[in-house]
Amino acid sequence: MIATGICLLKGEESESPIHGTVTFEWDETEEVFVQGTIEGLKPGKHGLYVCSLGNVTNGYMSSGIHYNPCNKKHGGPEDADRHVGDLGNVEANDDGVAKFEMHDRLLRLAGNYSIIGRTLVVTENEDDLGKGESDESAATGNAGKGLAWGIIGIANK
């Protein structure tokens, strides 16, 4: 592995039991392998995205917009035209646990477009991947408010 990042997700303590861990591994394939477990969610799909800032002083509201260094529209992980930070959805089972693995071709853990030091957010609703009819769909996928978030750091190897 060339680089590894880690993010510990937590919701606001007074309102949320949601927590999880997400790791990011960049290897010779030039893709980043994302793997995580998030607990305490409502069953169903929830949006997952990287924000432009690594600031959580006021919760996810301080973390900025979806990370979009190439000035693209909102989309899903398979879309040719999407924000770098758009990671699609994770799905929680009936126990409220989302376990997931994915490879992403746009994420970077070093260099100009690195996500290290930025905020990862899981949302209350499913991300419509920019396929909805509203302006909000084109910006955020109508995924609703953030439920849990954390800053992506460098993992100890």
C-alpha atoms as a PDB file:
ATOM      1  CA  MET A   1       0.000   0.000   0.000  1.00  0.00           C
ATOM      2  CA  ILE A   2       1.184   3.505  -0.809  1.00  0.00           C
ATOM      3  CA  ALA A   3      -0.975   5.300   1.764  1.00  0.00           C
ATOM      4  CA  THR A   4      -3.713   4.588   4.295  1.00  0.00           C
ATOM      5  CA  GLY A   5      -6.267   6.969   5.787  1.00  0.00           C
ATOM      6  CA  ILE A   6      -8.751   6.476   8.602  1.00  0.00           C
ATOM      7  CA  CYS A   7     -11.857   8.286   9.780  1.00  0.00           C
ATOM      8  CA  LEU A   8     -13.710   7.825  13.053  1.00  0.00           C
ATOM      9  CA  LEU A   9     -17.329   8.909  12.550  1.00  0.00           C
ATOM     10  CA  LYS A  10     -19.401  10.213  15.449  1.00  0.00           C
ATOM     11  CA  GLY A  11     -22.765  11.921  15.677  1.00  0.00           C
ATOM     12  CA  GLU A  12     -23.572  14.664  18.119  1.00  0.00           C
ATOM     13  CA  GLU A  13     -23.342  12.938  21.491  1.00  0.00           C
ATOM     14  CA  SER A  14     -26.580  14.357  22.875  1.00  0.00           C
ATOM     15  CA  GLU A  15     -28.651  13.333  19.876  1.00  0.00           C
ATOM     16  CA  SER A  16     -27.031  10.354  18.179  1.00  0.00           C
ATOM     17  CA  PRO A  17     -25.683   6.896  18.954  1.00  0.00           C
ATOM     18  CA  ILE A  18     -24.223   6.755  15.432  1.00  0.00           C
ATOM     19  CA  HIS A  19     -20.539   5.882  15.179  1.00  0.00           C
ATOM     20  CA  GLY A  20     -18.197   4.060  12.851  1.00  0.00           C
ATOM     21  CA  THR A  21     -14.791   3.611  11.310  1.00  0.00           C
ATOM     22  CA  VAL A  22     -13.898   3.997   7.645  1.00  0.00           C
ATOM     23  CA  THR A  23     -10.484   3.219   6.169  1.00  0.00           C
ATOM     24  CA  PHE A  24      -9.009   4.327   2.864  1.00  0.00           C
ATOM     25  CA  GLU A  25      -6.141   2.423   1.212  1.00  0.00           C
ATOM     26  CA  TRP A  26      -4.400   3.613  -1.936  1.00  0.00           C
ATOM     27  CA  ASP A  27      -2.406   1.033  -3.820  1.00  0.00           C
ATOM     28  CA  GLU A  28      -0.662   0.423  -7.112  1.00  0.00           C
ATOM     29  CA  THR A  29      -3.971   0.245  -9.018  1.00  0.00           C
ATOM     30  CA  GLU A  30      -4.340   4.004  -8.506  1.00  0.00           C
ATOM     31  CA  GLU A  31      -7.757   3.400  -6.949  1.00  0.00           C
ATOM     32  CA  VAL A  32      -8.619   3.858  -3.300  1.00  0.00           C
ATOM     33  CA  PHE A  33     -10.168   0.910  -1.472  1.00  0.00           C
ATOM     34  CA  VAL A  34     -12.777   2.200   1.023  1.00  0.00           C
ATOM     35  CA  GLN A  35     -13.964  -0.107   3.786  1.00  0.00           C
ATOM     36  CA  GLY A  36     -16.139   0.689   6.769  1.00  0.00           C
ATOM     37  CA  THR A  37     -18.679  -0.127   9.409  1.00  0.00           C
ATOM     38  CA  ILE A  38     -21.189   2.437  10.672  1.00  0.00           C
ATOM     39  CA  GLU A  39     -23.557   1.554  13.536  1.00  0.00           C
ATOM     40  CA  GLY A  40     -26.697   3.194  14.899  1.00  0.00           C
ATOM     41  CA  LEU A  41     -28.297   4.117  11.551  1.00  0.00           C
ATOM     42  CA  LYS A  42     -31.930   3.629  10.578  1.00  0.00           C
ATOM     43  CA  PRO A  43     -32.256   0.619   8.258  1.00  0.00           C
ATOM     44  CA  GLY A  44     -31.920   1.607   4.610  1.00  0.00           C
ATOM     45  CA  LYS A  45     -29.635   3.695   2.429  1.00  0.00           C
ATOM     46  CA  HIS A  46     -27.621   6.711   3.604  1.00  0.00           C
ATOM     47  CA  GLY A  47     -25.424   9.050   1.578  1.00  0.00           C
ATOM     48  CA  LEU A  48     -21.661   9.093   2.161  1.00  0.00           C
ATOM     49  CA  TYR A  49     -19.455  11.946   1.011  1.00  0.00           C
ATOM     50  CA  VAL A  50     -16.184  13.777   1.573  1.00  0.00           C
ATOM     51  CA  CYS A  51     -16.446  17.512   2.276  1.00  0.00           C
ATOM     52  CA  SER A  52     -14.061  20.222   1.144  1.00  0.00           C
ATOM     53  CA  LEU A  53     -12.933  21.228   4.660  1.00  0.00           C
ATOM     54  CA  GLY A  54     -11.580  19.417   7.686  1.00  0.00           C
ATOM     55  CA  ASN A  55     -13.531  21.510  10.164  1.00  0.00           C
ATOM     56  CA  VAL A  56     -16.146  20.058  12.529  1.00  0.00           C
ATOM     57  CA  THR A  57     -16.286  22.857  15.125  1.00  0.00           C
ATOM     58  CA  ASN A  58     -20.020  23.223  14.420  1.00  0.00           C
ATOM     59  CA  GLY A  59     -20.645  19.638  13.378  1.00  0.00           C
ATOM     60  CA  TYR A  60     -20.903  18.771   9.711  1.00  0.00           C
ATOM     61  CA  MET A  61     -22.151  22.305   8.945  1.00  0.00           C
ATOM     62  CA  SER A  62     -18.543  23.562   9.325  1.00  0.00           C
ATOM     63  CA  SER A  63     -17.138  21.046   6.841  1.00  0.00           C
ATOM     64  CA  GLY A  64     -18.105  22.894   3.669  1.00  0.00           C
ATOM     65  CA  ILE A  65     -19.620  21.589   0.468  1.00  0.00           C
ATOM     66  CA  HIS A  66     -18.954  18.225  -1.177  1.00  0.00           C
ATOM     67  CA  TYR A  67     -15.276  18.038  -2.168  1.00  0.00           C
ATOM     68  CA  ASN A  68     -15.293  19.183  -5.796  1.00  0.00           C
ATOM     69  CA  PRO A  69     -11.853  20.413  -6.955  1.00  0.00           C
ATOM     70  CA  CYS A  70     -12.697  19.840 -10.638  1.00  0.00           C
ATOM     71  CA  ASN A  71     -15.952  21.856 -10.602  1.00  0.00           C
ATOM     72  CA  LYS A  72     -18.242  18.980 -11.602  1.00  0.00           C
ATOM     73  CA  LYS A  73     -21.930  18.344 -10.876  1.00  0.00           C
ATOM     74  CA  HIS A  74     -23.126  15.975  -8.147  1.00  0.00           C
ATOM     75  CA  GLY A  75     -23.282  12.326  -9.128  1.00  0.00           C
ATOM     76  CA  GLY A  76     -22.726   8.742  -8.130  1.00  0.00           C
ATOM     77  CA  PRO A  77     -19.484   6.771  -7.873  1.00  0.00           C
ATOM     78  CA  GLU A  78     -19.905   5.272 -11.351  1.00  0.00           C
ATOM     79  CA  ASP A  79     -20.685   8.575 -13.084  1.00  0.00           C
ATOM     80  CA  ALA A  80     -18.050  10.103 -15.363  1.00  0.00           C
ATOM     81  CA  ASP A  81     -19.064  13.588 -14.172  1.00  0.00           C
ATOM     82  CA  ARG A  82     -19.211  13.875 -10.368  1.00  0.00           C
ATOM     83  CA  HIS A  83     -17.709  15.564  -7.335  1.00  0.00           C
ATOM     84  CA  VAL A  84     -14.553  13.794  -6.152  1.00  0.00           C
ATOM     85  CA  GLY A  85     -16.213  13.488  -2.738  1.00  0.00           C
ATOM     86  CA  ASP A  86     -19.404  11.770  -3.956  1.00  0.00           C
ATOM     87  CA  LEU A  87     -19.222   8.200  -2.629  1.00  0.00           C
ATOM     88  CA  GLY A  88     -22.858   7.205  -3.175  1.00  0.00           C
ATOM     89  CA  ASN A  89     -24.773   5.285  -0.531  1.00  0.00           C
ATOM     90  CA  VAL A  90     -24.153   2.775   2.209  1.00  0.00           C
ATOM     91  CA  GLU A  91     -26.982   0.500   3.336  1.00  0.00           C
ATOM     92  CA  ALA A  92     -27.787  -0.247   6.964  1.00  0.00           C
ATOM     93  CA  ASN A  93     -29.318  -3.621   7.793  1.00  0.00           C
ATOM     94  CA  ASP A  94     -32.265  -4.177  10.150  1.00  0.00           C
ATOM     95  CA  ASP A  95     -29.888  -3.797  13.120  1.00  0.00           C
ATOM     96  CA  GLY A  96     -28.796  -0.347  11.877  1.00  0.00           C
ATOM     97  CA  VAL A  97     -25.334  -1.498  10.810  1.00  0.00           C
ATOM     98  CA  ALA A  98     -23.839  -0.583   7.438  1.00  0.00           C
ATOM     99  CA  LYS A  99     -20.793  -2.648   6.439  1.00  0.00           C
ATOM    100  CA  PHE A 100     -19.351  -1.714   3.087  1.00  0.00           C
ATOM    101  CA  GLU A 101     -16.420  -1.986   0.700  1.00  0.00           C
ATOM    102  CA  MET A 102     -15.840  -0.076  -2.516  1.00  0.00           C
ATOM    103  CA  HIS A 103     -13.072   1.011  -4.868  1.00  0.00           C
ATOM    104  CA  ASP A 104     -13.011   4.616  -6.042  1.00  0.00           C
ATOM    105  CA  ARG A 105     -11.101   5.926  -9.041  1.00  0.00           C
ATOM    106  CA  LEU A 106     -11.162   9.643  -8.079  1.00  0.00           C
ATOM    107  CA  LEU A 107     -10.135   9.661  -4.420  1.00  0.00           C
ATOM    108  CA  ARG A 108      -6.481  10.411  -3.612  1.00  0.00           C
ATOM    109  CA  LEU A 109      -4.609  10.120  -0.314  1.00  0.00           C
ATOM    110  CA  ALA A 110      -1.659  12.295  -1.360  1.00  0.00           C
ATOM    111  CA  GLY A 111      -0.963  15.150  -3.757  1.00  0.00           C
ATOM    112  CA  ASN A 112      -3.093  18.026  -4.966  1.00  0.00           C
ATOM    113  CA  TYR A 113      -6.476  16.281  -4.616  1.00  0.00           C
ATOM    114  CA  SER A 114      -5.846  14.452  -1.338  1.00  0.00           C
ATOM    115  CA  ILE A 115      -8.796  13.789   0.964  1.00  0.00           C
ATOM    116  CA  ILE A 116      -6.538  13.561   4.039  1.00  0.00           C
ATOM    117  CA  GLY A 117      -7.589  16.301   6.453  1.00  0.00           C
ATOM    118  CA  ARG A 118     -11.083  16.639   4.957  1.00  0.00           C
ATOM    119  CA  THR A 119     -14.377  15.616   6.599  1.00  0.00           C
ATOM    120  CA  LEU A 120     -16.334  12.436   5.836  1.00  0.00           C
ATOM    121  CA  VAL A 121     -20.112  12.614   6.433  1.00  0.00           C
ATOM    122  CA  VAL A 122     -22.897  10.006   6.496  1.00  0.00           C
ATOM    123  CA  THR A 123     -26.395  11.439   5.932  1.00  0.00           C
ATOM    124  CA  GLU A 124     -29.927  10.768   7.151  1.00  0.00           C
ATOM    125  CA  ASN A 125     -31.354  10.007   3.694  1.00  0.00           C
ATOM    126  CA  GLU A 126     -30.448   8.132   0.556  1.00  0.00           C
ATOM    127  CA  ASP A 127     -28.386  10.128  -1.957  1.00  0.00           C
ATOM    128  CA  ASP A 128     -30.293  10.314  -5.259  1.00  0.00           C
ATOM    129  CA  LEU A 129     -26.906  10.631  -7.017  1.00  0.00           C
ATOM    130  CA  GLY A 130     -27.914  13.845  -8.763  1.00  0.00           C
ATOM    131  CA  LYS A 131     -30.711  12.122 -10.690  1.00  0.00           C
ATOM    132  CA  GLY A 132     -33.554  14.109  -9.086  1.00  0.00           C
ATOM    133  CA  GLU A 133     -35.360  17.059 -10.611  1.00  0.00           C
ATOM    134  CA  SER A 134     -34.458  19.717  -8.028  1.00  0.00           C
ATOM    135  CA  ASP A 135     -31.519  22.084  -7.661  1.00  0.00           C
ATOM    136  CA  GLU A 136     -30.737  20.342  -4.358  1.00  0.00           C
ATOM    137  CA  SER A 137     -30.348  17.033  -6.206  1.00  0.00           C
ATOM    138  CA  ALA A 138     -27.719  18.593  -8.464  1.00  0.00           C
ATOM    139  CA  ALA A 139     -25.836  19.956  -5.434  1.00  0.00           C
ATOM    140  CA  THR A 140     -26.174  17.299  -2.710  1.00  0.00           C
ATOM    141  CA  GLY A 141     -28.351  14.451  -3.973  1.00  0.00           C
ATOM    142  CA  ASN A 142     -31.164  15.355  -1.536  1.00  0.00           C
ATOM    143  CA  ALA A 143     -29.366  13.294   1.114  1.00  0.00           C
ATOM    144  CA  GLY A 144     -30.502  15.470   4.017  1.00  0.00           C
ATOM    145  CA  LYS A 145     -28.576  16.455   7.110  1.00  0.00           C
ATOM    146  CA  GLY A 146     -25.420  14.833   8.334  1.00  0.00           C
ATOM    147  CA  LEU A 147     -25.869  12.198  11.034  1.00  0.00           C
ATOM    148  CA  ALA A 148     -22.219  11.473  11.806  1.00  0.00           C
ATOM    149  CA  TRP A 149     -18.901  12.862  10.635  1.00  0.00           C
ATOM    150  CA  GLY A 150     -15.171  12.832  11.225  1.00  0.00           C
ATOM    151  CA  ILE A 151     -11.915  14.121   9.810  1.00  0.00           C
ATOM    152  CA  ILE A 152      -9.927  11.748   7.613  1.00  0.00           C
ATOM    153  CA  GLY A 153      -6.461  11.280   9.063  1.00  0.00           C
ATOM    154  CA  ILE A 154      -3.311   9.361   8.220  1.00  0.00           C
ATOM    155  CA  ALA A 155      -3.426   5.845   9.631  1.00  0.00           C
ATOM    156  CA  ASN A 156      -0.554   4.346  11.594  1.00  0.00           C
ATOM    157  CA  LYS A 157       0.849   1.435   9.555  1.00  0.00           C
END
